[in-house]
C-alpha atoms as a PDB file:
ATOM      1  CA  MET A   1     111.448  70.897 138.127  1.00  0.00           C
ATOM      2  CA  ARG A   2     113.703  73.347 136.279  1.00  0.00           C
ATOM      3  CA  PHE A   3     113.764  70.946 133.356  1.00  0.00           C
ATOM      4  CA  ILE A   4     109.964  71.054 133.125  1.00  0.00           C
ATOM      5  CA  LEU A   5     109.987  74.857 133.227  1.00  0.00           C
ATOM      6  CA  LEU A   6     112.664  74.978 130.530  1.00  0.00           C
ATOM      7  CA  LEU A   7     110.707  72.515 128.419  1.00  0.00           C
ATOM      8  CA  CYS A   8     107.500  74.546 128.736  1.00  0.00           C
ATOM      9  CA  LEU A   9     109.249  77.807 127.887  1.00  0.00           C
ATOM     10  CA  THR A  10     110.793  76.158 124.823  1.00  0.00           C
ATOM     11  CA  VAL A  11     107.402  74.894 123.662  1.00  0.00           C
ATOM     12  CA  PHE A  12     105.948  78.326 124.395  1.00  0.00           C
ATOM     13  CA  SER A  13     108.565  79.994 122.190  1.00  0.00           C
ATOM     14  CA  LEU A  14     107.812  77.580 119.341  1.00  0.00           C
ATOM     15  CA  TYR A  15     104.149  78.538 119.298  1.00  0.00           C
ATOM     16  CA  THR A  16     104.488  82.286 119.718  1.00  0.00           C
ATOM     17  CA  ASN A  17     106.731  85.095 118.547  1.00  0.00           C
ATOM     18  CA  ALA A  18     109.022  86.628 121.153  1.00  0.00           C
ATOM     19  CA  ASP A  19     107.394  90.004 120.411  1.00  0.00           C
ATOM     20  CA  THR A  20     103.955  88.707 121.349  1.00  0.00           C
ATOM     21  CA  ALA A  21     104.938  86.661 124.393  1.00  0.00           C
ATOM     22  CA  ASP A  22     102.391  87.246 127.103  1.00  0.00           C
ATOM     23  CA  LYS A  23     104.089  88.205 130.392  1.00  0.00           C
ATOM     24  CA  ASN A  24     101.182  86.750 132.343  1.00  0.00           C
ATOM     25  CA  THR A  25     101.639  83.384 130.653  1.00  0.00           C
ATOM     26  CA  ILE A  26     105.328  83.310 131.555  1.00  0.00           C
ATOM     27  CA  LYS A  27     104.477  84.298 135.112  1.00  0.00           C
ATOM     28  CA  THR A  28     101.896  81.523 135.297  1.00  0.00           C
ATOM     29  CA  LEU A  29     104.401  78.975 133.952  1.00  0.00           C
ATOM     30  CA  ILE A  30     106.841  79.972 136.669  1.00  0.00           C
ATOM     31  CA  GLU A  31     104.069  79.605 139.234  1.00  0.00           C
ATOM     32  CA  CYS A  32     103.280  76.148 137.809  1.00  0.00           C
ATOM     33  CA  SER A  33     106.913  75.115 138.262  1.00  0.00           C
ATOM     34  CA  GLU A  34     106.716  76.019 141.949  1.00  0.00           C
ATOM     35  CA  ILE A  35     103.806  73.641 142.670  1.00  0.00           C
ATOM     36  CA  THR A  36     105.086  70.719 144.737  1.00  0.00           C
ATOM     37  CA  ASP A  37     102.323  68.206 143.994  1.00  0.00           C
ATOM     38  CA  ASN A  38     103.222  66.427 140.736  1.00  0.00           C
ATOM     39  CA  LYS A  39      99.638  65.946 139.563  1.00  0.00           C
ATOM     40  CA  GLN A  40      98.637  69.572 140.219  1.00  0.00           C
ATOM     41  CA  ARG A  41     101.839  70.831 138.561  1.00  0.00           C
ATOM     42  CA  LEU A  42     101.148  68.724 135.464  1.00  0.00           C
ATOM     43  CA  VAL A  43      97.553  69.986 135.295  1.00  0.00           C
ATOM     44  CA  CYS A  44      98.814  73.566 135.572  1.00  0.00           C
ATOM     45  CA  PHE A  45     101.370  73.082 132.741  1.00  0.00           C
ATOM     46  CA  ASP A  46      98.825  71.288 130.542  1.00  0.00           C
ATOM     47  CA  ARG A  47      96.332  74.132 130.997  1.00  0.00           C
ATOM     48  CA  GLN A  48      98.958  76.729 130.037  1.00  0.00           C
ATOM     49  CA  LEU A  49     100.140  74.722 127.023  1.00  0.00           C
ATOM     50  CA  LEU A  50      96.557  74.423 125.763  1.00  0.00           C
ATOM     51  CA  GLN A  51      96.133  78.195 126.105  1.00  0.00           C
ATOM     52  CA  ILE A  52      99.429  78.795 124.248  1.00  0.00           C
ATOM     53  CA  LYS A  53      98.383  76.477 121.403  1.00  0.00           C
ATOM     54  CA  ASN A  54      94.998  78.201 121.075  1.00  0.00           C
ATOM     55  CA  ASN A  55      96.645  81.645 121.010  1.00  0.00           C
ATOM     56  CA  ALA A  56      99.131  80.450 118.407  1.00  0.00           C
ATOM     57  CA  LYS A  57      96.357  79.208 116.138  1.00  0.00           C
ATOM     58  CA  THR A  58      94.482  82.502 116.215  1.00  0.00           C
ATOM     59  CA  ASN A  59      97.298  85.062 116.511  1.00  0.00           C
ATOM     60  CA  ASN A  60     100.203  83.593 114.616  1.00  0.00           C
ATOM     61  CA  LYS A  61      98.954  83.504 111.032  1.00  0.00           C
ATOM     62  CA  LEU A  62     102.370  84.343 109.532  1.00  0.00           C
ATOM     63  CA  VAL A  63     103.699  80.826 110.186  1.00  0.00           C
ATOM     64  CA  ASN A  64     102.241  79.287 107.030  1.00  0.00           C
ATOM     65  CA  THR A  65     102.427  82.268 104.676  1.00  0.00           C
ATOM     66  CA  SER A  66     104.566  82.332 101.563  1.00  0.00           C
ATOM     67  CA  GLN A  67     107.615  84.537 101.083  1.00  0.00           C
ATOM     68  CA  GLU A  68     105.650  86.636  98.561  1.00  0.00           C
ATOM     69  CA  GLU A  69     102.892  87.334 101.085  1.00  0.00           C
ATOM     70  CA  LEU A  70     105.502  88.463 103.629  1.00  0.00           C
ATOM     71  CA  PHE A  71     107.406  90.741 101.230  1.00  0.00           C
ATOM     72  CA  GLY A  72     107.357  94.281 102.630  1.00  0.00           C
ATOM     73  CA  LYS A  73     105.676  93.312 105.912  1.00  0.00           C
ATOM     74  CA  GLN A  74     108.596  91.974 107.873  1.00  0.00           C
ATOM     75  CA  LYS A  75     112.156  92.840 108.652  1.00  0.00           C
ATOM     76  CA  PRO A  76     114.309  91.782 105.711  1.00  0.00           C
ATOM     77  CA  GLU A  77     116.227  88.547 106.058  1.00  0.00           C
ATOM     78  CA  GLU A  78     118.958  87.157 103.888  1.00  0.00           C
ATOM     79  CA  SER A  79     116.656  84.346 102.737  1.00  0.00           C
ATOM     80  CA  ALA A  80     113.832  86.746 101.820  1.00  0.00           C
ATOM     81  CA  PRO A  81     113.342  87.590  98.132  1.00  0.00           C
ATOM     82  CA  LYS A  82     115.149  90.673  96.806  1.00  0.00           C
ATOM     83  CA  SER A  83     112.184  91.786  94.702  1.00  0.00           C
ATOM     84  CA  LEU A  84     108.569  91.063  93.887  1.00  0.00           C
ATOM     85  CA  GLU A  85     106.933  91.028  90.461  1.00  0.00           C
ATOM     86  CA  SER A  86     103.199  91.330  89.947  1.00  0.00           C
ATOM     87  CA  HIS A  87     100.705  93.420  88.006  1.00  0.00           C
ATOM     88  CA  ILE A  88      98.764  96.488  89.071  1.00  0.00           C
ATOM     89  CA  LYS A  89      95.072  95.743  89.264  1.00  0.00           C
ATOM     90  CA  GLY A  90      93.108  97.810  86.737  1.00  0.00           C
ATOM     91  CA  VAL A  91      94.171 101.106  85.201  1.00  0.00           C
ATOM     92  CA  PHE A  92      97.364 102.752  86.445  1.00  0.00           C
ATOM     93  CA  LYS A  93      97.298 106.521  85.974  1.00  0.00           C
ATOM     94  CA  GLY A  94     100.615 107.329  87.620  1.00  0.00           C
ATOM     95  CA  TRP A  95     101.476 108.256  91.154  1.00  0.00           C
ATOM     96  CA  VAL A  96     101.553 111.020  93.683  1.00  0.00           C
ATOM     97  CA  LYS A  97     102.493 110.896  97.359  1.00  0.00           C
ATOM     98  CA  GLY A  98      99.857 109.050  99.396  1.00  0.00           C
ATOM     99  CA  LYS A  99      98.336 107.077  96.507  1.00  0.00           C
ATOM    100  CA  ILE A 100      97.495 103.443  97.299  1.00  0.00           C
ATOM    101  CA  ILE A 101      98.363 100.959  94.558  1.00  0.00           C
ATOM    102  CA  THR A 102      96.669  97.545  94.608  1.00  0.00           C
ATOM    103  CA  LEU A 103      98.444  94.581  93.050  1.00  0.00           C
ATOM    104  CA  GLU A 104      96.945  91.467  91.480  1.00  0.00           C
ATOM    105  CA  ASN A 105      98.095  89.383  94.443  1.00  0.00           C
ATOM    106  CA  GLY A 106      96.024  91.543  96.843  1.00  0.00           C
ATOM    107  CA  GLN A 107      98.915  93.507  98.307  1.00  0.00           C
ATOM    108  CA  LYS A 108      98.467  97.256  98.756  1.00  0.00           C
ATOM    109  CA  TRP A 109     101.393  99.677  98.580  1.00  0.00           C
ATOM    110  CA  LYS A 110     101.379 103.385  99.443  1.00  0.00           C
ATOM    111  CA  VAL A 111     103.556 105.884  97.576  1.00  0.00           C
ATOM    112  CA  ILE A 112     105.671 107.683 100.183  1.00  0.00           C
ATOM    113  CA  SER A 113     108.077 109.647  97.992  1.00  0.00           C
ATOM    114  CA  GLN A 114     107.473 113.059  96.460  1.00  0.00           C
ATOM    115  CA  THR A 115     107.776 111.541  92.976  1.00  0.00           C
ATOM    116  CA  LYS A 116     104.956 112.523  90.641  1.00  0.00           C
ATOM    117  CA  GLY A 117     104.184 110.891  87.355  1.00  0.00           C
ATOM    118  CA  TYR A 118     101.175 110.581  85.096  1.00  0.00           C
ATOM    119  CA  THR A 119     100.342 107.972  82.469  1.00  0.00           C
ATOM    120  CA  LYS A 120      97.568 105.552  81.593  1.00  0.00           C
ATOM    121  CA  LEU A 121      98.391 101.851  81.552  1.00  0.00           C
ATOM    122  CA  THR A 122      96.095  98.861  82.015  1.00  0.00           C
ATOM    123  CA  ASN A 123      97.248  96.048  84.306  1.00  0.00           C
ATOM    124  CA  PRO A 124     100.935  96.924  83.890  1.00  0.00           C
ATOM    125  CA  LYS A 125     103.701  94.705  85.222  1.00  0.00           C
ATOM    126  CA  VAL A 126     105.268  96.099  88.406  1.00  0.00           C
ATOM    127  CA  THR A 127     108.533  95.268  90.148  1.00  0.00           C
ATOM    128  CA  ILE A 128     109.045  96.181  93.790  1.00  0.00           C
ATOM    129  CA  SER A 129     112.602  95.873  95.023  1.00  0.00           C
ATOM    130  CA  LYS A 130     114.362  96.506  98.291  1.00  0.00           C
ATOM    131  CA  GLY A 131     115.975  99.909  98.565  1.00  0.00           C
ATOM    132  CA  VAL A 132     118.280 101.322 101.192  1.00  0.00           C
ATOM    133  CA  LEU A 133     117.413 101.519 104.902  1.00  0.00           C
ATOM    134  CA  ASN A 134     114.519  99.032 104.632  1.00  0.00           C
ATOM    135  CA  SER A 135     112.724 101.043 101.953  1.00  0.00           C
ATOM    136  CA  TYR A 136     111.097  99.679  98.799  1.00  0.00           C
ATOM    137  CA  ASP A 137     111.190 101.017  95.226  1.00  0.00           C
ATOM    138  CA  MET A 138     108.368 100.444  92.746  1.00  0.00           C
ATOM    139  CA  ARG A 139     108.939 100.412  88.997  1.00  0.00           C
ATOM    140  CA  VAL A 140     106.104 100.072  86.507  1.00  0.00           C
ATOM    141  CA  GLU A 141     106.789  98.581  83.087  1.00  0.00           C
ATOM    142  CA  GLY A 142     106.256 101.266  80.447  1.00  0.00           C
ATOM    143  CA  PHE A 143     106.699 104.095  82.942  1.00  0.00           C
ATOM    144  CA  ILE A 144     110.028 105.896  83.349  1.00  0.00           C
ATOM    145  CA  SER A 145     110.122 107.049  86.972  1.00  0.00           C
ATOM    146  CA  LYS A 146     110.172 104.947  90.122  1.00  0.00           C
ATOM    147  CA  ALA A 147     108.656 105.695  93.514  1.00  0.00           C
ATOM    148  CA  LYS A 148     109.432 104.813  97.121  1.00  0.00           C
ATOM    149  CA  VAL A 149     106.571 102.767  98.534  1.00  0.00           C
ATOM    150  CA  LYS A 150     105.486 101.220 101.829  1.00  0.00           C
ATOM    151  CA  ARG A 151     103.351  98.100 102.127  1.00  0.00           C
ATOM    152  CA  VAL A 152     100.042  98.781 103.865  1.00  0.00           C
ATOM    153  CA  LYS A 153      98.306  95.405 103.307  1.00  0.00           C
END
């Protein structure tokens, strides 16, 4: 019986992130393990596994995303890229704190530093690299200053 519970919890952890684990689902799995009738216990586990799979399909969209799509949205890992290169969509007129900058790849980054700079560039190349303490620095080709940014989308 403990083996079945362990197996179900392992499967559960494969389909969901630990941060999003539903306490009620774990409680229900424990309750399933306490059922003495084999057929009823199996039905209970199957029902919970189906619910876990359905939740994983709708809530866990980060499983199949590329490293570029994850850049700036997750805690840094050693295997994660050190920087991202793209182009700013449209005309770049510089930055001020709070400005949202949209990249070609659809990502949106907000300027969070006090850095101010003004220019006019069309679709310039941009490099976003990891800074200290999980921050990110944005550099725009043809523009001297850099800014601290935070990914918002």
